[in-house]
Amino acid sequence: MAKKILLVEDDQTLISKLSDLLCAEGYLVDTALDGEIGWDKARKGAYDLIVLDIMLPGGLDGVSLCRMIRKNYKEYVPIFMLTARGTVNDQILGLESGADKYIVKPPKLGVFLADVRAELRRPSAEQSLKPDELVAGDLHVDLTGRRVFRAGEEVKLSNKEYTLLTVFMRNERAVLSRDFLIANVWGEDYLLAESDKRTVDVHIRWLREKIEDNPSKPKRISTVRGVGYRFEG
């Protein structure tokens, strides 16, 4: 059965491009040009993926709509946040509202399509995760209880390690810079001297020791030299 996608975006040109792109791949696509229409369609339809623009006309923006979907959907639906604003603050806002991925406009159509394909290829059991759970392979995070399990065994993490892991899992396969990790784990107002940014590296080393089979040859958290880190799942 064809996967069903909802696009909520006020740019008619962009929404037409994305709709044509997805329809050509065999997806069923619904569209909405503002948050109110988007919410009406979201609560009535059963979607496999929802793509939201943060800045929407009317009284319901993308962040509020994302939170409403997370609160009211019985089953977990992946949400991509699409926005022209690419600051760290905007990314944090989008992810904290419950979005799974943050995409800066204008999106590269090939990359966007690859992201959609990857998300919709995930096993159905993973797609039906509750909003208070994160799963990657044999890693399971209970967000409500702030507990982490690996292959069924609980892993004891510090507060910083736990937050670092959840940030990585919410941004699976995205390259995250040290600055992004500092803003999300330590807080955007937490200022580190350039030499002290290695604090991030130290915490990642500690985290690897707890979730990797071989911490000296990590497969879950890879280093992207000169850029940052990527969680491979």
C-alpha atoms as a PDB file:
ATOM      1  CA  MET A   1       0.000   0.000   0.000  1.00  0.00           C
ATOM      2  CA  ALA A   2       1.298   3.457  -0.921  1.00  0.00           C
ATOM      3  CA  LYS A   3       2.577   5.598   1.944  1.00  0.00           C
ATOM      4  CA  LYS A   4       0.602   8.741   2.701  1.00  0.00           C
ATOM      5  CA  ILE A   5       2.326  12.094   3.314  1.00  0.00           C
ATOM      6  CA  LEU A   6       0.932  15.434   4.462  1.00  0.00           C
ATOM      7  CA  LEU A   7       2.721  18.639   3.379  1.00  0.00           C
ATOM      8  CA  VAL A   8       1.866  21.822   5.303  1.00  0.00           C
ATOM      9  CA  GLU A   9       3.606  24.776   3.623  1.00  0.00           C
ATOM     10  CA  ASP A  10       2.442  28.240   2.585  1.00  0.00           C
ATOM     11  CA  ASP A  11       4.811  28.594  -0.372  1.00  0.00           C
ATOM     12  CA  GLN A  12       2.674  27.396  -3.293  1.00  0.00           C
ATOM     13  CA  THR A  13       5.676  26.937  -5.590  1.00  0.00           C
ATOM     14  CA  LEU A  14       7.598  24.844  -3.083  1.00  0.00           C
ATOM     15  CA  ILE A  15       4.636  22.730  -2.058  1.00  0.00           C
ATOM     16  CA  SER A  16       3.930  21.986  -5.731  1.00  0.00           C
ATOM     17  CA  LYS A  17       7.552  20.919  -6.308  1.00  0.00           C
ATOM     18  CA  LEU A  18       7.595  18.664  -3.277  1.00  0.00           C
ATOM     19  CA  SER A  19       4.183  17.218  -4.068  1.00  0.00           C
ATOM     20  CA  ASP A  20       5.165  16.439  -7.670  1.00  0.00           C
ATOM     21  CA  LEU A  21       8.438  14.901  -6.471  1.00  0.00           C
ATOM     22  CA  LEU A  22       6.728  12.630  -3.960  1.00  0.00           C
ATOM     23  CA  CYS A  23       3.830  11.688  -6.233  1.00  0.00           C
ATOM     24  CA  ALA A  24       6.329  10.660  -8.913  1.00  0.00           C
ATOM     25  CA  GLU A  25       7.788   8.235  -6.374  1.00  0.00           C
ATOM     26  CA  GLY A  26       4.384   6.670  -5.803  1.00  0.00           C
ATOM     27  CA  TYR A  27       3.507   8.351  -2.514  1.00  0.00           C
ATOM     28  CA  LEU A  28       0.013   9.660  -1.804  1.00  0.00           C
ATOM     29  CA  VAL A  29       0.261  13.360  -0.961  1.00  0.00           C
ATOM     30  CA  ASP A  30      -2.121  15.742   0.794  1.00  0.00           C
ATOM     31  CA  THR A  31      -1.308  19.445   1.058  1.00  0.00           C
ATOM     32  CA  ALA A  32      -2.323  22.389   3.217  1.00  0.00           C
ATOM     33  CA  LEU A  33      -1.349  26.050   2.894  1.00  0.00           C
ATOM     34  CA  ASP A  34      -1.886  27.031   6.530  1.00  0.00           C
ATOM     35  CA  GLY A  35      -1.814  25.523  10.000  1.00  0.00           C
ATOM     36  CA  GLU A  36      -5.569  25.326  10.542  1.00  0.00           C
ATOM     37  CA  ILE A  37      -6.152  23.344   7.353  1.00  0.00           C
ATOM     38  CA  GLY A  38      -3.087  21.257   8.157  1.00  0.00           C
ATOM     39  CA  TRP A  39      -4.451  20.398  11.609  1.00  0.00           C
ATOM     40  CA  ASP A  40      -7.869  19.558  10.190  1.00  0.00           C
ATOM     41  CA  LYS A  41      -6.288  17.114   7.728  1.00  0.00           C
ATOM     42  CA  ALA A  42      -3.808  15.726  10.249  1.00  0.00           C
ATOM     43  CA  ARG A  43      -6.434  14.847  12.840  1.00  0.00           C
ATOM     44  CA  LYS A  44      -8.754  13.249  10.249  1.00  0.00           C
ATOM     45  CA  GLY A  45      -6.181  11.357   8.195  1.00  0.00           C
ATOM     46  CA  ALA A  46      -3.763   8.517   8.962  1.00  0.00           C
ATOM     47  CA  TYR A  47      -0.392   9.684   7.625  1.00  0.00           C
ATOM     48  CA  ASP A  48       2.948   7.886   7.428  1.00  0.00           C
ATOM     49  CA  LEU A  49       4.903  11.182   7.388  1.00  0.00           C
ATOM     50  CA  ILE A  50       4.060  14.841   8.003  1.00  0.00           C
ATOM     51  CA  VAL A  51       6.193  17.732   6.709  1.00  0.00           C
ATOM     52  CA  LEU A  52       5.604  21.105   8.408  1.00  0.00           C
ATOM     53  CA  ASP A  53       6.834  24.614   7.728  1.00  0.00           C
ATOM     54  CA  ILE A  54       7.516  26.500  10.973  1.00  0.00           C
ATOM     55  CA  MET A  55       6.263  29.860   9.694  1.00  0.00           C
ATOM     56  CA  LEU A  56       2.633  29.487   8.611  1.00  0.00           C
ATOM     57  CA  PRO A  57      -0.050  32.129   8.049  1.00  0.00           C
ATOM     58  CA  GLY A  58      -2.972  32.382  10.449  1.00  0.00           C
ATOM     59  CA  GLY A  59      -3.024  31.611  14.124  1.00  0.00           C
ATOM     60  CA  LEU A  60      -1.383  28.171  14.103  1.00  0.00           C
ATOM     61  CA  ASP A  61       2.332  27.942  13.333  1.00  0.00           C
ATOM     62  CA  GLY A  62       4.306  24.792  12.583  1.00  0.00           C
ATOM     63  CA  VAL A  63       5.748  24.399  16.076  1.00  0.00           C
ATOM     64  CA  SER A  64       2.291  24.565  17.688  1.00  0.00           C
ATOM     65  CA  LEU A  65       0.899  22.195  15.075  1.00  0.00           C
ATOM     66  CA  CYS A  66       3.728  19.739  15.695  1.00  0.00           C
ATOM     67  CA  ARG A  67       2.987  19.743  19.426  1.00  0.00           C
ATOM     68  CA  MET A  68      -0.726  19.210  18.795  1.00  0.00           C
ATOM     69  CA  ILE A  69      -0.019  16.236  16.550  1.00  0.00           C
ATOM     70  CA  ARG A  70       2.329  14.704  19.108  1.00  0.00           C
ATOM     71  CA  LYS A  71      -0.272  15.151  21.848  1.00  0.00           C
ATOM     72  CA  ASN A  72      -3.267  13.833  19.934  1.00  0.00           C
ATOM     73  CA  TYR A  73      -1.967  11.148  17.543  1.00  0.00           C
ATOM     74  CA  LYS A  74      -2.483   7.678  19.010  1.00  0.00           C
ATOM     75  CA  GLU A  75       0.306   6.221  16.890  1.00  0.00           C
ATOM     76  CA  TYR A  76       3.702   7.787  16.348  1.00  0.00           C
ATOM     77  CA  VAL A  77       4.034   9.616  13.017  1.00  0.00           C
ATOM     78  CA  PRO A  78       7.418  10.948  11.809  1.00  0.00           C
ATOM     79  CA  ILE A  79       7.498  14.742  11.423  1.00  0.00           C
ATOM     80  CA  PHE A  80       9.965  16.748   9.334  1.00  0.00           C
ATOM     81  CA  MET A  81      10.247  20.456  10.146  1.00  0.00           C
ATOM     82  CA  LEU A  82      10.815  22.560   7.035  1.00  0.00           C
ATOM     83  CA  THR A  83      11.854  26.182   7.506  1.00  0.00           C
ATOM     84  CA  ALA A  84      13.844  29.016   5.995  1.00  0.00           C
ATOM     85  CA  ARG A  85      15.290  29.827   9.418  1.00  0.00           C
ATOM     86  CA  GLY A  86      18.440  27.862  10.095  1.00  0.00           C
ATOM     87  CA  THR A  87      19.773  29.152  13.415  1.00  0.00           C
ATOM     88  CA  VAL A  88      20.596  26.798  16.279  1.00  0.00           C
ATOM     89  CA  ASN A  89      17.722  28.290  18.293  1.00  0.00           C
ATOM     90  CA  ASP A  90      15.253  27.426  15.541  1.00  0.00           C
ATOM     91  CA  GLN A  91      16.593  23.892  15.286  1.00  0.00           C
ATOM     92  CA  ILE A  92      16.271  23.401  19.035  1.00  0.00           C
ATOM     93  CA  LEU A  93      12.726  24.795  18.974  1.00  0.00           C
ATOM     94  CA  GLY A  94      11.712  22.468  16.146  1.00  0.00           C
ATOM     95  CA  LEU A  95      13.240  19.360  17.694  1.00  0.00           C
ATOM     96  CA  GLU A  96      11.923  20.111  21.175  1.00  0.00           C
ATOM     97  CA  SER A  97       8.408  20.461  19.766  1.00  0.00           C
ATOM     98  CA  GLY A  98       8.635  16.817  18.707  1.00  0.00           C
ATOM     99  CA  ALA A  99      10.009  16.975  15.162  1.00  0.00           C
ATOM    100  CA  ASP A 100      12.215  14.101  14.008  1.00  0.00           C
ATOM    101  CA  LYS A 101      14.212  16.045  11.458  1.00  0.00           C
ATOM    102  CA  TYR A 102      14.949  19.704  10.735  1.00  0.00           C
ATOM    103  CA  ILE A 103      15.366  20.736   7.078  1.00  0.00           C
ATOM    104  CA  VAL A 104      16.449  24.237   6.022  1.00  0.00           C
ATOM    105  CA  LYS A 105      14.774  25.747   2.949  1.00  0.00           C
ATOM    106  CA  PRO A 106      15.227  25.655   0.099  1.00  0.00           C
ATOM    107  CA  PRO A 107      15.701  21.897   0.418  1.00  0.00           C
ATOM    108  CA  LYS A 108      17.830  20.022  -2.068  1.00  0.00           C
ATOM    109  CA  LEU A 109      15.175  17.879  -3.700  1.00  0.00           C
ATOM    110  CA  GLY A 110      17.370  14.807  -4.075  1.00  0.00           C
ATOM    111  CA  VAL A 111      18.431  14.919  -0.439  1.00  0.00           C
ATOM    112  CA  PHE A 112      14.860  15.581   0.697  1.00  0.00           C
ATOM    113  CA  LEU A 113      13.595  12.584  -1.238  1.00  0.00           C
ATOM    114  CA  ALA A 114      16.379  10.394   0.177  1.00  0.00           C
ATOM    115  CA  ASP A 115      15.408  11.471   3.705  1.00  0.00           C
ATOM    116  CA  VAL A 116      11.761  10.615   3.026  1.00  0.00           C
ATOM    117  CA  ARG A 117      12.667   7.225   1.589  1.00  0.00           C
ATOM    118  CA  ALA A 118      14.910   6.427   4.555  1.00  0.00           C
ATOM    119  CA  GLU A 119      12.238   7.418   7.070  1.00  0.00           C
ATOM    120  CA  LEU A 120       9.475   5.450   5.372  1.00  0.00           C
ATOM    121  CA  ARG A 121      11.665   2.360   5.012  1.00  0.00           C
ATOM    122  CA  ARG A 122      11.894   2.025   8.784  1.00  0.00           C
ATOM    123  CA  PRO A 123      10.169  -1.076  10.194  1.00  0.00           C
ATOM    124  CA  SER A 124       6.539  -0.519  11.084  1.00  0.00           C
ATOM    125  CA  ALA A 125       7.187  -1.448  14.714  1.00  0.00           C
ATOM    126  CA  GLU A 126       9.647   1.416  14.948  1.00  0.00           C
ATOM    127  CA  GLN A 127       7.241   3.826  13.287  1.00  0.00           C
ATOM    128  CA  SER A 128       4.608   3.034  15.923  1.00  0.00           C
ATOM    129  CA  LEU A 129       6.869   4.086  18.779  1.00  0.00           C
ATOM    130  CA  LYS A 130       5.270   6.100  21.498  1.00  0.00           C
ATOM    131  CA  PRO A 131       6.315   9.761  21.706  1.00  0.00           C
ATOM    132  CA  ASP A 132       8.064   8.962  24.986  1.00  0.00           C
ATOM    133  CA  GLU A 133      10.381   6.370  23.430  1.00  0.00           C
ATOM    134  CA  LEU A 134      13.475   6.386  21.235  1.00  0.00           C
ATOM    135  CA  VAL A 135      14.842   3.217  19.626  1.00  0.00           C
ATOM    136  CA  ALA A 136      17.936   2.561  17.501  1.00  0.00           C
ATOM    137  CA  GLY A 137      18.964  -1.039  17.012  1.00  0.00           C
ATOM    138  CA  ASP A 138      19.272  -2.631  20.453  1.00  0.00           C
ATOM    139  CA  LEU A 139      19.220   0.784  22.179  1.00  0.00           C
ATOM    140  CA  HIS A 140      15.950   1.792  23.821  1.00  0.00           C
ATOM    141  CA  VAL A 141      15.414   5.091  25.640  1.00  0.00           C
ATOM    142  CA  ASP A 142      12.468   5.530  27.982  1.00  0.00           C
ATOM    143  CA  LEU A 143      12.083   9.318  27.898  1.00  0.00           C
ATOM    144  CA  THR A 144       9.522   9.408  30.688  1.00  0.00           C
ATOM    145  CA  GLY A 145      11.636   7.400  33.096  1.00  0.00           C
ATOM    146  CA  ARG A 146      14.962   8.763  31.774  1.00  0.00           C
ATOM    147  CA  ARG A 147      16.268   5.211  31.483  1.00  0.00           C
ATOM    148  CA  VAL A 148      18.423   3.654  28.766  1.00  0.00           C
ATOM    149  CA  PHE A 149      18.513  -0.022  27.845  1.00  0.00           C
ATOM    150  CA  ARG A 150      20.907  -1.891  25.577  1.00  0.00           C
ATOM    151  CA  ALA A 151      19.856  -5.374  24.470  1.00  0.00           C
ATOM    152  CA  GLY A 152      17.413  -5.378  27.375  1.00  0.00           C
ATOM    153  CA  GLU A 153      20.036  -4.470  29.994  1.00  0.00           C
ATOM    154  CA  GLU A 154      19.862  -1.059  31.653  1.00  0.00           C
ATOM    155  CA  VAL A 155      22.777   1.271  30.948  1.00  0.00           C
ATOM    156  CA  LYS A 156      23.605   3.807  33.650  1.00  0.00           C
ATOM    157  CA  LEU A 157      24.324   7.228  32.132  1.00  0.00           C
ATOM    158  CA  SER A 158      25.072  10.592  33.668  1.00  0.00           C
ATOM    159  CA  ASN A 159      22.634  13.424  32.982  1.00  0.00           C
ATOM    160  CA  LYS A 160      24.894  14.873  30.281  1.00  0.00           C
ATOM    161  CA  GLU A 161      25.467  11.467  28.671  1.00  0.00           C
ATOM    162  CA  TYR A 162      21.732  10.793  28.651  1.00  0.00           C
ATOM    163  CA  THR A 163      20.920  14.149  27.052  1.00  0.00           C
ATOM    164  CA  LEU A 164      23.746  13.719  24.537  1.00  0.00           C
ATOM    165  CA  LEU A 165      22.407  10.304  23.516  1.00  0.00           C
ATOM    166  CA  THR A 166      18.842  11.574  23.042  1.00  0.00           C
ATOM    167  CA  VAL A 167      20.081  14.483  20.903  1.00  0.00           C
ATOM    168  CA  PHE A 168      22.010  12.036  18.724  1.00  0.00           C
ATOM    169  CA  MET A 169      19.066   9.645  18.410  1.00  0.00           C
ATOM    170  CA  ARG A 170      16.661  12.454  17.464  1.00  0.00           C
ATOM    171  CA  ASN A 171      19.110  13.496  14.716  1.00  0.00           C
ATOM    172  CA  GLU A 172      20.098  10.073  13.427  1.00  0.00           C
ATOM    173  CA  ARG A 173      22.593  10.183  10.534  1.00  0.00           C
ATOM    174  CA  ALA A 174      22.813  13.979  10.649  1.00  0.00           C
ATOM    175  CA  VAL A 175      26.255  15.502  11.189  1.00  0.00           C
ATOM    176  CA  LEU A 176      26.164  17.535  14.409  1.00  0.00           C
ATOM    177  CA  SER A 177      28.819  20.136  15.174  1.00  0.00           C
ATOM    178  CA  ARG A 178      30.274  20.665  18.642  1.00  0.00           C
ATOM    179  CA  ASP A 179      28.507  24.035  18.782  1.00  0.00           C
ATOM    180  CA  PHE A 180      25.160  22.360  18.071  1.00  0.00           C
ATOM    181  CA  LEU A 181      25.803  19.727  20.741  1.00  0.00           C
ATOM    182  CA  ILE A 182      26.831  22.368  23.280  1.00  0.00           C
ATOM    183  CA  ALA A 183      23.636  24.336  22.614  1.00  0.00           C
ATOM    184  CA  ASN A 184      21.441  21.249  22.931  1.00  0.00           C
ATOM    185  CA  VAL A 185      23.182  19.494  25.830  1.00  0.00           C
ATOM    186  CA  TRP A 186      24.766  22.261  27.902  1.00  0.00           C
ATOM    187  CA  GLY A 187      22.407  25.075  26.853  1.00  0.00           C
ATOM    188  CA  GLU A 188      22.736  27.864  24.305  1.00  0.00           C
ATOM    189  CA  ASP A 189      23.917  30.299  26.986  1.00  0.00           C
ATOM    190  CA  TYR A 190      26.707  27.966  28.086  1.00  0.00           C
ATOM    191  CA  LEU A 191      29.842  29.551  26.690  1.00  0.00           C
ATOM    192  CA  LEU A 192      32.993  27.496  26.249  1.00  0.00           C
ATOM    193  CA  ALA A 193      36.409  28.688  25.239  1.00  0.00           C
ATOM    194  CA  GLU A 194      37.562  27.095  21.997  1.00  0.00           C
ATOM    195  CA  SER A 195      40.009  24.884  23.859  1.00  0.00           C
ATOM    196  CA  ASP A 196      37.259  23.779  26.279  1.00  0.00           C
ATOM    197  CA  LYS A 197      35.047  22.504  23.482  1.00  0.00           C
ATOM    198  CA  ARG A 198      36.931  19.249  23.859  1.00  0.00           C
ATOM    199  CA  THR A 199      34.535  18.715  26.777  1.00  0.00           C
ATOM    200  CA  VAL A 200      32.153  17.466  24.092  1.00  0.00           C
ATOM    201  CA  ASP A 201      34.750  14.951  22.889  1.00  0.00           C
ATOM    202  CA  VAL A 202      35.291  13.694  26.435  1.00  0.00           C
ATOM    203  CA  HIS A 203      31.584  13.105  27.025  1.00  0.00           C
ATOM    204  CA  ILE A 204      31.254  11.356  23.682  1.00  0.00           C
ATOM    205  CA  ARG A 205      34.171   9.097  24.617  1.00  0.00           C
ATOM    206  CA  TRP A 206      32.434   8.221  27.895  1.00  0.00           C
ATOM    207  CA  LEU A 207      29.161   7.584  26.064  1.00  0.00           C
ATOM    208  CA  ARG A 208      30.889   5.350  23.525  1.00  0.00           C
ATOM    209  CA  GLU A 209      32.320   3.256  26.354  1.00  0.00           C
ATOM    210  CA  LYS A 210      28.761   2.463  27.450  1.00  0.00           C
ATOM    211  CA  ILE A 211      26.944   1.903  24.141  1.00  0.00           C
ATOM    212  CA  GLU A 212      29.615   0.673  21.700  1.00  0.00           C
ATOM    213  CA  ASP A 213      30.793  -2.934  21.303  1.00  0.00           C
ATOM    214  CA  ASN A 214      34.308  -1.621  20.725  1.00  0.00           C
ATOM    215  CA  PRO A 215      34.680   2.016  21.879  1.00  0.00           C
ATOM    216  CA  SER A 216      38.060   2.342  20.156  1.00  0.00           C
ATOM    217  CA  LYS A 217      36.366   1.502  16.840  1.00  0.00           C
ATOM    218  CA  PRO A 218      32.924   3.069  17.269  1.00  0.00           C
ATOM    219  CA  LYS A 219      30.114   2.146  14.912  1.00  0.00           C
ATOM    220  CA  ARG A 220      27.206   3.995  16.525  1.00  0.00           C
ATOM    221  CA  ILE A 221      28.779   7.452  16.969  1.00  0.00           C
ATOM    222  CA  SER A 222      31.212   8.221  14.173  1.00  0.00           C
ATOM    223  CA  THR A 223      33.590  11.173  13.970  1.00  0.00           C
ATOM    224  CA  VAL A 224      33.294  13.450  10.937  1.00  0.00           C
ATOM    225  CA  ARG A 225      36.690  15.098  10.911  1.00  0.00           C
ATOM    226  CA  GLY A 226      36.679  18.864  10.943  1.00  0.00           C
ATOM    227  CA  VAL A 227      32.889  18.976  11.348  1.00  0.00           C
ATOM    228  CA  GLY A 228      31.565  17.010  14.310  1.00  0.00           C
ATOM    229  CA  TYR A 229      29.827  13.699  14.953  1.00  0.00           C
ATOM    230  CA  ARG A 230      27.124  11.521  13.403  1.00  0.00           C
ATOM    231  CA  PHE A 231      24.907   8.927  15.108  1.00  0.00           C
ATOM    232  CA  GLU A 232      24.646   5.924  12.799  1.00  0.00           C
ATOM    233  CA  GLY A 233      21.920   4.117  14.722  1.00  0.00           C
END
